[in-house]
């Protein structure tokens, strides 16, 4: 089954599993709210619309398909993992937190390349999601190398985008 707009909006804990796709603002803050989800786990097996994870404070948002524009916008903390393509302007205004981009992302201008490495926290998160929710995640992604970009330089610059690389 799929979910509409605002699934898991302002969630404070627990688990939300969507075996299909979801609309806009998954795990984001309600209109006018200073923050989105503050804990818990959201697993979307399919794709999501715009503003997924916007203003997240904590928690895990896993997207098995594509993500629309502005994924992880103004993220304060937490982790957003996207296996598919990511739309324009991801993680702009990020203060902290991690956006893991497996299927492709255009790195926004305020982010700067830092290094390429095998982040242990990504391996742990992907193994956890794969086992707990019985999802298929390729082993080369779980144990893979990621290019790390730091930003958003327009804010305090403590966020990161980790882009999977096959080489």
N, C-alpha and C. Protein backbone atom coordinates (compact mmCIF):
# COMPACT_ATOMS: atom_id res chain seq x y z
N UNK A 1 0.84 -1.19 0.00
CA UNK A 1 0.00 0.00 0.00
C UNK A 1 0.88 1.25 0.00
N UNK A 2 0.35 2.30 -0.52
CA UNK A 2 1.08 3.57 -0.58
C UNK A 2 0.53 4.53 0.46
N UNK A 3 1.23 5.65 0.66
CA UNK A 3 0.81 6.66 1.62
C UNK A 3 0.77 8.01 0.91
N UNK A 4 -0.07 8.90 1.40
CA UNK A 4 -0.20 10.23 0.80
C UNK A 4 0.82 11.21 1.35
N UNK A 5 0.53 12.48 1.18
CA UNK A 5 1.39 13.55 1.68
C UNK A 5 1.42 13.54 3.21
N UNK A 6 2.57 13.90 3.76
CA UNK A 6 2.70 14.09 5.20
C UNK A 6 2.82 12.81 6.01
N UNK A 7 3.09 11.68 5.41
CA UNK A 7 3.23 10.43 6.18
C UNK A 7 4.37 10.58 7.19
N UNK A 8 4.10 10.27 8.43
CA UNK A 8 5.12 10.36 9.48
C UNK A 8 5.50 11.79 9.82
N UNK A 9 4.68 12.74 9.43
CA UNK A 9 4.98 14.15 9.67
C UNK A 9 5.07 14.43 11.17
N UNK A 10 6.17 15.06 11.59
CA UNK A 10 6.42 15.41 12.99
C UNK A 10 6.43 14.19 13.92
N UNK A 11 6.76 13.04 13.39
CA UNK A 11 6.82 11.80 14.16
C UNK A 11 7.85 11.94 15.28
N UNK A 12 7.55 11.41 16.46
CA UNK A 12 8.44 11.53 17.60
C UNK A 12 9.03 10.20 18.05
N UNK A 13 8.71 9.12 17.42
CA UNK A 13 9.22 7.80 17.77
C UNK A 13 8.41 6.75 17.06
N UNK A 14 8.78 5.50 17.27
CA UNK A 14 8.04 4.41 16.65
C UNK A 14 8.55 4.09 15.25
N UNK A 15 7.76 3.28 14.54
CA UNK A 15 8.15 2.81 13.22
C UNK A 15 6.97 2.97 12.27
N UNK A 16 7.26 3.49 11.08
CA UNK A 16 6.27 3.59 10.01
C UNK A 16 6.85 2.89 8.80
N UNK A 17 6.16 1.87 8.31
CA UNK A 17 6.61 1.12 7.13
C UNK A 17 5.56 1.30 6.03
N UNK A 18 6.03 1.76 4.86
CA UNK A 18 5.15 1.90 3.70
C UNK A 18 5.69 0.96 2.63
N UNK A 19 4.94 -0.05 2.27
CA UNK A 19 5.39 -1.06 1.31
C UNK A 19 5.27 -0.58 -0.13
N UNK A 20 4.79 0.63 -0.33
CA UNK A 20 4.69 1.23 -1.66
C UNK A 20 5.43 2.56 -1.67
N UNK A 21 4.84 3.55 -2.32
CA UNK A 21 5.43 4.89 -2.40
C UNK A 21 4.66 5.83 -1.49
N UNK A 22 5.19 7.05 -1.33
CA UNK A 22 4.55 8.05 -0.49
C UNK A 22 4.62 9.41 -1.17
N UNK A 23 3.82 10.34 -0.69
CA UNK A 23 3.74 11.67 -1.28
C UNK A 23 4.82 12.62 -0.77
N UNK A 24 4.48 13.88 -0.72
CA UNK A 24 5.40 14.94 -0.27
C UNK A 24 5.47 14.99 1.25
N UNK A 25 6.54 15.57 1.75
CA UNK A 25 6.75 15.89 3.17
C UNK A 25 6.76 14.67 4.10
N UNK A 26 7.27 13.54 3.63
CA UNK A 26 7.40 12.36 4.48
C UNK A 26 8.40 12.67 5.60
N UNK A 27 7.99 12.52 6.84
CA UNK A 27 8.88 12.76 7.98
C UNK A 27 9.26 14.21 8.18
N UNK A 28 8.64 15.11 7.47
CA UNK A 28 8.97 16.53 7.56
C UNK A 28 8.17 17.18 8.68
N UNK A 29 8.41 18.46 8.89
CA UNK A 29 7.64 19.21 9.87
C UNK A 29 6.30 19.62 9.31
N UNK A 30 5.34 19.78 10.19
CA UNK A 30 4.04 20.31 9.78
C UNK A 30 4.23 21.76 9.34
N UNK A 31 3.35 22.31 8.51
CA UNK A 31 3.49 23.71 8.10
C UNK A 31 3.65 24.64 9.31
N UNK A 32 4.69 25.45 9.29
CA UNK A 32 4.97 26.38 10.39
C UNK A 32 5.77 25.79 11.53
N UNK A 33 5.99 24.49 11.55
CA UNK A 33 6.74 23.86 12.63
C UNK A 33 8.23 24.10 12.44
N UNK A 34 8.96 24.21 13.54
CA UNK A 34 10.40 24.45 13.46
C UNK A 34 11.19 23.18 13.17
N UNK A 35 10.58 22.02 13.36
CA UNK A 35 11.29 20.78 13.07
C UNK A 35 10.33 19.68 12.63
N UNK A 36 10.92 18.73 11.91
CA UNK A 36 10.17 17.58 11.44
C UNK A 36 10.23 16.45 12.44
N UNK A 37 10.38 15.25 11.97
CA UNK A 37 10.40 14.10 12.87
C UNK A 37 11.53 14.25 13.88
N UNK A 38 11.28 13.83 15.11
CA UNK A 38 12.27 13.96 16.18
C UNK A 38 12.71 12.61 16.71
N UNK A 39 12.43 11.56 15.99
CA UNK A 39 12.85 10.22 16.40
C UNK A 39 12.03 9.18 15.68
N UNK A 40 12.48 7.95 15.76
CA UNK A 40 11.77 6.85 15.12
C UNK A 40 12.38 6.49 13.78
N UNK A 41 11.68 5.60 13.10
CA UNK A 41 12.15 5.08 11.82
C UNK A 41 11.00 5.08 10.82
N UNK A 42 11.28 5.63 9.64
CA UNK A 42 10.32 5.59 8.55
C UNK A 42 10.99 4.84 7.40
N UNK A 43 10.34 3.80 6.92
CA UNK A 43 10.85 3.00 5.81
C UNK A 43 9.83 3.05 4.69
N UNK A 44 10.23 3.65 3.57
CA UNK A 44 9.39 3.71 2.38
C UNK A 44 10.05 2.82 1.33
N UNK A 45 9.40 1.75 0.93
CA UNK A 45 10.02 0.84 -0.05
C UNK A 45 10.09 1.45 -1.44
N UNK A 46 9.16 2.32 -1.78
CA UNK A 46 9.13 2.94 -3.10
C UNK A 46 9.71 4.34 -3.08
N UNK A 47 9.14 5.21 -3.90
CA UNK A 47 9.63 6.58 -4.05
C UNK A 47 8.81 7.55 -3.20
N UNK A 48 9.35 8.75 -3.01
CA UNK A 48 8.66 9.80 -2.26
C UNK A 48 8.68 11.09 -3.06
N UNK A 49 7.81 12.02 -2.69
CA UNK A 49 7.74 13.32 -3.34
C UNK A 49 8.76 14.30 -2.77
N UNK A 50 8.43 15.57 -2.86
CA UNK A 50 9.32 16.65 -2.42
C UNK A 50 9.35 16.78 -0.90
N UNK A 51 10.42 17.39 -0.40
CA UNK A 51 10.59 17.77 1.01
C UNK A 51 10.60 16.59 1.99
N UNK A 52 10.97 15.41 1.55
CA UNK A 52 11.07 14.27 2.47
C UNK A 52 12.16 14.56 3.50
N UNK A 53 11.84 14.38 4.76
CA UNK A 53 12.82 14.59 5.82
C UNK A 53 13.15 16.05 6.11
N UNK A 54 12.38 16.98 5.57
CA UNK A 54 12.67 18.41 5.79
C UNK A 54 12.60 18.74 7.28
N UNK A 55 13.61 19.41 7.77
CA UNK A 55 13.72 19.86 9.17
C UNK A 55 13.71 18.71 10.17
N UNK A 56 14.17 17.53 9.74
CA UNK A 56 14.31 16.40 10.66
C UNK A 56 15.21 16.79 11.81
N UNK A 57 14.88 16.34 13.00
CA UNK A 57 15.72 16.58 14.18
C UNK A 57 16.52 15.33 14.55
N UNK A 58 15.90 14.18 14.48
CA UNK A 58 16.55 12.89 14.74
C UNK A 58 15.78 11.84 13.98
N UNK A 59 16.29 10.62 14.01
CA UNK A 59 15.57 9.52 13.40
C UNK A 59 16.22 9.04 12.12
N UNK A 60 15.57 8.04 11.52
CA UNK A 60 16.04 7.42 10.30
C UNK A 60 14.91 7.42 9.28
N UNK A 61 15.19 7.93 8.09
CA UNK A 61 14.26 7.89 6.98
C UNK A 61 14.93 7.12 5.86
N UNK A 62 14.37 5.97 5.50
CA UNK A 62 14.91 5.12 4.44
C UNK A 62 13.95 5.16 3.26
N UNK A 63 14.48 5.47 2.07
CA UNK A 63 13.67 5.54 0.86
C UNK A 63 14.26 4.56 -0.16
N UNK A 64 13.51 3.53 -0.50
CA UNK A 64 14.00 2.50 -1.41
C UNK A 64 13.97 2.88 -2.87
N UNK A 65 13.22 3.91 -3.22
CA UNK A 65 13.13 4.38 -4.60
C UNK A 65 13.75 5.77 -4.74
N UNK A 66 13.12 6.59 -5.58
CA UNK A 66 13.60 7.95 -5.83
C UNK A 66 13.01 8.93 -4.82
N UNK A 67 13.68 10.08 -4.68
CA UNK A 67 13.19 11.15 -3.81
C UNK A 67 13.06 12.42 -4.64
N UNK A 68 12.02 13.19 -4.38
CA UNK A 68 11.78 14.44 -5.10
C UNK A 68 12.71 15.56 -4.66
N UNK A 69 12.34 16.77 -5.03
CA UNK A 69 13.13 17.96 -4.72
C UNK A 69 13.26 18.16 -3.21
N UNK A 70 14.35 18.78 -2.82
CA UNK A 70 14.57 19.26 -1.44
C UNK A 70 14.56 18.17 -0.37
N UNK A 71 14.98 16.96 -0.71
CA UNK A 71 15.06 15.92 0.32
C UNK A 71 16.06 16.39 1.39
N UNK A 72 15.75 16.14 2.64
CA UNK A 72 16.60 16.51 3.79
C UNK A 72 16.87 18.01 3.88
N UNK A 73 15.95 18.83 3.39
CA UNK A 73 16.11 20.28 3.45
C UNK A 73 16.12 20.76 4.91
N UNK A 74 17.08 21.59 5.25
CA UNK A 74 17.21 22.18 6.58
C UNK A 74 17.24 21.12 7.68
N UNK A 75 17.82 19.98 7.38
CA UNK A 75 17.91 18.89 8.36
C UNK A 75 18.78 19.36 9.54
N UNK A 76 18.31 19.09 10.73
CA UNK A 76 19.02 19.49 11.94
C UNK A 76 19.88 18.34 12.44
N UNK A 77 19.40 17.13 12.29
CA UNK A 77 20.14 15.91 12.65
C UNK A 77 19.37 14.73 12.06
N UNK A 78 19.91 13.53 12.24
CA UNK A 78 19.23 12.35 11.71
C UNK A 78 19.89 11.87 10.44
N UNK A 79 19.32 10.80 9.89
CA UNK A 79 19.87 10.17 8.69
C UNK A 79 18.77 9.91 7.68
N UNK A 80 19.02 10.32 6.43
CA UNK A 80 18.12 10.03 5.32
C UNK A 80 18.91 9.21 4.32
N UNK A 81 18.41 8.02 3.98
CA UNK A 81 19.07 7.13 3.02
C UNK A 81 18.15 6.99 1.82
N UNK A 82 18.68 7.27 0.61
CA UNK A 82 17.89 7.16 -0.61
C UNK A 82 18.61 6.22 -1.57
N UNK A 83 17.97 5.09 -1.92
CA UNK A 83 18.58 4.15 -2.85
C UNK A 83 18.45 4.59 -4.31
N UNK A 84 17.43 5.36 -4.64
CA UNK A 84 17.21 5.81 -6.01
C UNK A 84 17.81 7.18 -6.28
N UNK A 85 17.32 7.80 -7.35
CA UNK A 85 17.77 9.15 -7.74
C UNK A 85 17.21 10.18 -6.77
N UNK A 86 17.98 11.25 -6.58
CA UNK A 86 17.55 12.35 -5.71
C UNK A 86 17.32 13.58 -6.56
N UNK A 87 16.19 14.25 -6.33
CA UNK A 87 15.83 15.45 -7.08
C UNK A 87 16.72 16.63 -6.72
N UNK A 88 16.47 17.78 -7.36
CA UNK A 88 17.30 18.97 -7.16
C UNK A 88 17.30 19.50 -5.74
N UNK A 89 18.38 20.18 -5.40
CA UNK A 89 18.57 20.92 -4.16
C UNK A 89 18.41 20.09 -2.88
N UNK A 90 19.12 18.97 -2.78
CA UNK A 90 19.04 18.18 -1.55
C UNK A 90 19.84 18.83 -0.42
N UNK A 91 19.36 18.66 0.80
CA UNK A 91 20.07 19.03 2.03
C UNK A 91 20.47 20.50 2.11
N UNK A 92 19.77 21.38 1.40
CA UNK A 92 20.10 22.80 1.51
C UNK A 92 19.66 23.31 2.89
N UNK A 93 20.48 24.15 3.49
CA UNK A 93 20.20 24.67 4.81
C UNK A 93 20.47 23.68 5.92
N UNK A 94 21.19 22.61 5.61
CA UNK A 94 21.49 21.57 6.60
C UNK A 94 22.40 22.11 7.70
N UNK A 95 22.09 21.76 8.94
CA UNK A 95 22.92 22.14 10.07
C UNK A 95 23.78 20.96 10.55
N UNK A 96 23.17 19.80 10.60
CA UNK A 96 23.85 18.54 10.92
C UNK A 96 23.07 17.45 10.20
N UNK A 97 23.47 16.23 10.41
CA UNK A 97 22.74 15.13 9.80
C UNK A 97 23.41 14.61 8.55
N UNK A 98 22.89 13.48 8.08
CA UNK A 98 23.51 12.78 6.95
C UNK A 98 22.46 12.45 5.90
N UNK A 99 22.80 12.74 4.66
CA UNK A 99 22.02 12.29 3.51
C UNK A 99 22.88 11.29 2.77
N UNK A 100 22.42 10.04 2.68
CA UNK A 100 23.14 8.99 1.97
C UNK A 100 22.48 8.82 0.61
N UNK A 101 23.25 9.09 -0.44
CA UNK A 101 22.74 9.06 -1.81
C UNK A 101 23.35 7.88 -2.55
N UNK A 102 22.56 6.84 -2.78
CA UNK A 102 23.07 5.65 -3.44
C UNK A 102 22.87 5.72 -4.95
N UNK A 103 21.71 6.17 -5.41
CA UNK A 103 21.35 6.10 -6.81
C UNK A 103 21.68 7.32 -7.65
N UNK A 104 22.32 8.29 -7.09
CA UNK A 104 22.70 9.47 -7.84
C UNK A 104 22.16 10.75 -7.25
N UNK A 105 23.01 11.76 -7.24
CA UNK A 105 22.65 13.07 -6.69
C UNK A 105 23.51 14.14 -7.33
N UNK A 106 22.94 15.30 -7.56
CA UNK A 106 23.72 16.46 -7.97
C UNK A 106 24.05 17.23 -6.70
N UNK A 107 25.33 17.29 -6.37
CA UNK A 107 25.75 17.93 -5.13
C UNK A 107 25.49 19.43 -5.24
N UNK A 108 24.78 20.02 -4.27
CA UNK A 108 24.51 21.45 -4.32
C UNK A 108 25.78 22.30 -4.14
N UNK A 109 25.77 23.50 -4.68
CA UNK A 109 26.92 24.40 -4.66
C UNK A 109 27.51 24.63 -3.27
N UNK A 110 26.70 24.79 -2.20
CA UNK A 110 27.31 25.09 -0.90
C UNK A 110 28.02 23.91 -0.22
N UNK A 111 28.07 22.76 -0.89
CA UNK A 111 28.76 21.59 -0.33
C UNK A 111 30.14 21.46 -0.95
N UNK A 112 31.09 20.98 -0.16
CA UNK A 112 32.47 20.81 -0.62
C UNK A 112 32.92 19.38 -0.39
N UNK A 113 33.64 18.84 -1.38
CA UNK A 113 34.19 17.49 -1.27
C UNK A 113 35.20 17.43 -0.12
N UNK A 114 35.13 16.37 0.69
CA UNK A 114 36.06 16.20 1.81
C UNK A 114 36.96 14.98 1.60
N UNK A 115 36.37 13.82 1.28
CA UNK A 115 37.17 12.61 1.13
C UNK A 115 36.30 11.49 0.56
N UNK A 116 36.92 10.35 0.27
CA UNK A 116 36.20 9.14 -0.11
C UNK A 116 36.60 8.06 0.88
N UNK A 117 35.61 7.40 1.48
CA UNK A 117 35.90 6.39 2.49
C UNK A 117 34.74 5.41 2.62
N UNK A 118 34.89 4.44 3.51
CA UNK A 118 33.84 3.47 3.81
C UNK A 118 33.26 3.82 5.18
N UNK A 119 32.19 4.59 5.22
CA UNK A 119 31.65 5.05 6.51
C UNK A 119 31.01 3.91 7.31
N UNK A 120 31.54 3.62 8.49
CA UNK A 120 30.99 2.50 9.27
C UNK A 120 29.54 2.72 9.68
N UNK A 121 29.13 3.95 9.94
CA UNK A 121 27.75 4.19 10.36
C UNK A 121 26.75 3.91 9.24
N UNK A 122 27.16 4.06 7.99
CA UNK A 122 26.28 3.73 6.87
C UNK A 122 26.11 2.22 6.77
N UNK A 123 27.22 1.49 6.92
CA UNK A 123 27.15 0.02 6.91
C UNK A 123 26.20 -0.48 8.00
N UNK A 124 26.35 0.05 9.21
CA UNK A 124 25.51 -0.37 10.33
C UNK A 124 24.04 -0.07 10.03
N UNK A 125 23.75 1.13 9.53
CA UNK A 125 22.36 1.51 9.24
C UNK A 125 21.76 0.62 8.15
N UNK A 126 22.52 0.37 7.08
CA UNK A 126 22.00 -0.44 5.98
C UNK A 126 21.80 -1.90 6.37
N UNK A 127 22.72 -2.46 7.15
CA UNK A 127 22.56 -3.84 7.63
C UNK A 127 21.33 -3.93 8.53
N UNK A 128 21.16 -2.94 9.40
CA UNK A 128 20.00 -2.90 10.29
C UNK A 128 18.70 -2.86 9.49
N UNK A 129 18.59 -1.94 8.54
CA UNK A 129 17.38 -1.80 7.74
C UNK A 129 17.12 -3.07 6.93
N UNK A 130 18.17 -3.63 6.33
CA UNK A 130 18.02 -4.84 5.52
C UNK A 130 17.47 -5.99 6.37
N UNK A 131 18.02 -6.18 7.55
CA UNK A 131 17.59 -7.30 8.41
C UNK A 131 16.23 -7.04 9.06
N UNK A 132 16.06 -5.87 9.65
CA UNK A 132 14.85 -5.57 10.42
C UNK A 132 13.60 -5.53 9.55
N UNK A 133 13.75 -4.97 8.34
CA UNK A 133 12.58 -4.79 7.48
C UNK A 133 12.58 -5.71 6.26
N UNK A 134 13.54 -6.66 6.24
CA UNK A 134 13.62 -7.67 5.18
C UNK A 134 13.64 -7.04 3.79
N UNK A 135 14.54 -6.09 3.60
CA UNK A 135 14.68 -5.39 2.33
C UNK A 135 15.89 -5.91 1.57
N UNK A 136 15.85 -5.78 0.26
CA UNK A 136 16.98 -6.16 -0.57
C UNK A 136 17.85 -4.93 -0.80
N UNK A 137 19.06 -4.97 -0.26
CA UNK A 137 20.03 -3.90 -0.46
C UNK A 137 21.31 -4.58 -0.95
N UNK A 138 21.81 -4.19 -2.12
CA UNK A 138 22.99 -4.86 -2.68
C UNK A 138 24.20 -4.79 -1.75
N UNK A 139 24.95 -5.89 -1.61
CA UNK A 139 26.11 -5.93 -0.71
C UNK A 139 27.16 -4.87 -1.05
N UNK A 140 27.30 -4.55 -2.35
CA UNK A 140 28.30 -3.54 -2.73
C UNK A 140 27.92 -2.14 -2.23
N UNK A 141 26.65 -1.92 -1.97
CA UNK A 141 26.21 -0.65 -1.40
C UNK A 141 26.47 -0.64 0.11
N UNK A 142 26.17 -1.77 0.76
CA UNK A 142 26.36 -1.88 2.21
C UNK A 142 27.83 -1.70 2.58
N UNK A 143 28.71 -2.37 1.87
CA UNK A 143 30.14 -2.30 2.19
C UNK A 143 30.91 -1.36 1.28
N UNK A 144 30.21 -0.46 0.63
CA UNK A 144 30.83 0.36 -0.40
C UNK A 144 31.56 1.59 0.08
N UNK A 145 32.17 2.25 -0.89
CA UNK A 145 32.87 3.51 -0.65
C UNK A 145 31.94 4.67 -1.00
N UNK A 146 32.07 5.73 -0.24
CA UNK A 146 31.22 6.91 -0.41
C UNK A 146 32.07 8.16 -0.47
N UNK A 147 31.69 9.07 -1.38
CA UNK A 147 32.32 10.39 -1.42
C UNK A 147 31.60 11.25 -0.39
N UNK A 148 32.37 11.88 0.49
CA UNK A 148 31.79 12.71 1.55
C UNK A 148 31.88 14.18 1.15
N UNK A 149 30.74 14.85 1.21
CA UNK A 149 30.65 16.29 0.96
C UNK A 149 30.15 16.96 2.23
N UNK A 150 30.81 18.01 2.65
CA UNK A 150 30.43 18.74 3.86
C UNK A 150 29.70 20.01 3.49
N UNK A 151 28.72 20.37 4.27
CA UNK A 151 27.96 21.59 4.02
C UNK A 151 26.82 21.68 5.01
N UNK A 152 25.89 22.40 4.80
CA UNK A 152 25.73 23.46 3.83
C UNK A 152 26.57 24.65 4.30
N UNK A 153 27.48 25.11 3.46
CA UNK A 153 28.37 26.21 3.82
C UNK A 153 27.62 27.50 4.09
N UNK A 154 26.36 27.58 3.65
CA UNK A 154 25.53 28.75 3.93
C UNK A 154 25.05 28.78 5.36
N UNK A 155 25.20 27.67 6.09
CA UNK A 155 24.84 27.62 7.52
C UNK A 155 26.12 27.31 8.28
N UNK A 156 26.03 26.58 9.37
CA UNK A 156 27.22 26.25 10.15
C UNK A 156 28.06 25.16 9.50
N UNK A 157 27.54 24.51 8.47
CA UNK A 157 28.32 23.58 7.66
C UNK A 157 28.69 22.26 8.29
N UNK A 158 27.84 21.70 9.16
CA UNK A 158 28.16 20.43 9.80
C UNK A 158 27.38 19.25 9.24
N UNK A 159 26.64 19.46 8.18
CA UNK A 159 25.91 18.37 7.56
C UNK A 159 26.80 17.65 6.56
N UNK A 160 26.32 16.51 6.08
CA UNK A 160 27.10 15.76 5.09
C UNK A 160 26.17 15.07 4.11
N UNK A 161 26.68 14.98 2.88
CA UNK A 161 26.06 14.15 1.85
C UNK A 161 27.09 13.08 1.52
N UNK A 162 26.68 11.82 1.63
CA UNK A 162 27.55 10.69 1.29
C UNK A 162 27.02 10.09 -0.01
N UNK A 163 27.82 10.19 -1.04
CA UNK A 163 27.44 9.70 -2.37
C UNK A 163 28.16 8.39 -2.65
N UNK A 164 27.38 7.31 -2.85
CA UNK A 164 27.96 5.99 -3.12
C UNK A 164 28.73 6.03 -4.43
N UNK A 165 29.88 5.39 -4.40
CA UNK A 165 30.67 5.27 -5.62
C UNK A 165 31.07 3.81 -5.80
N UNK A 166 30.94 3.32 -7.01
CA UNK A 166 31.26 1.91 -7.27
C UNK A 166 32.75 1.69 -7.44
N UNK A 167 33.52 2.77 -7.52
CA UNK A 167 34.97 2.62 -7.71
C UNK A 167 35.74 3.29 -6.60
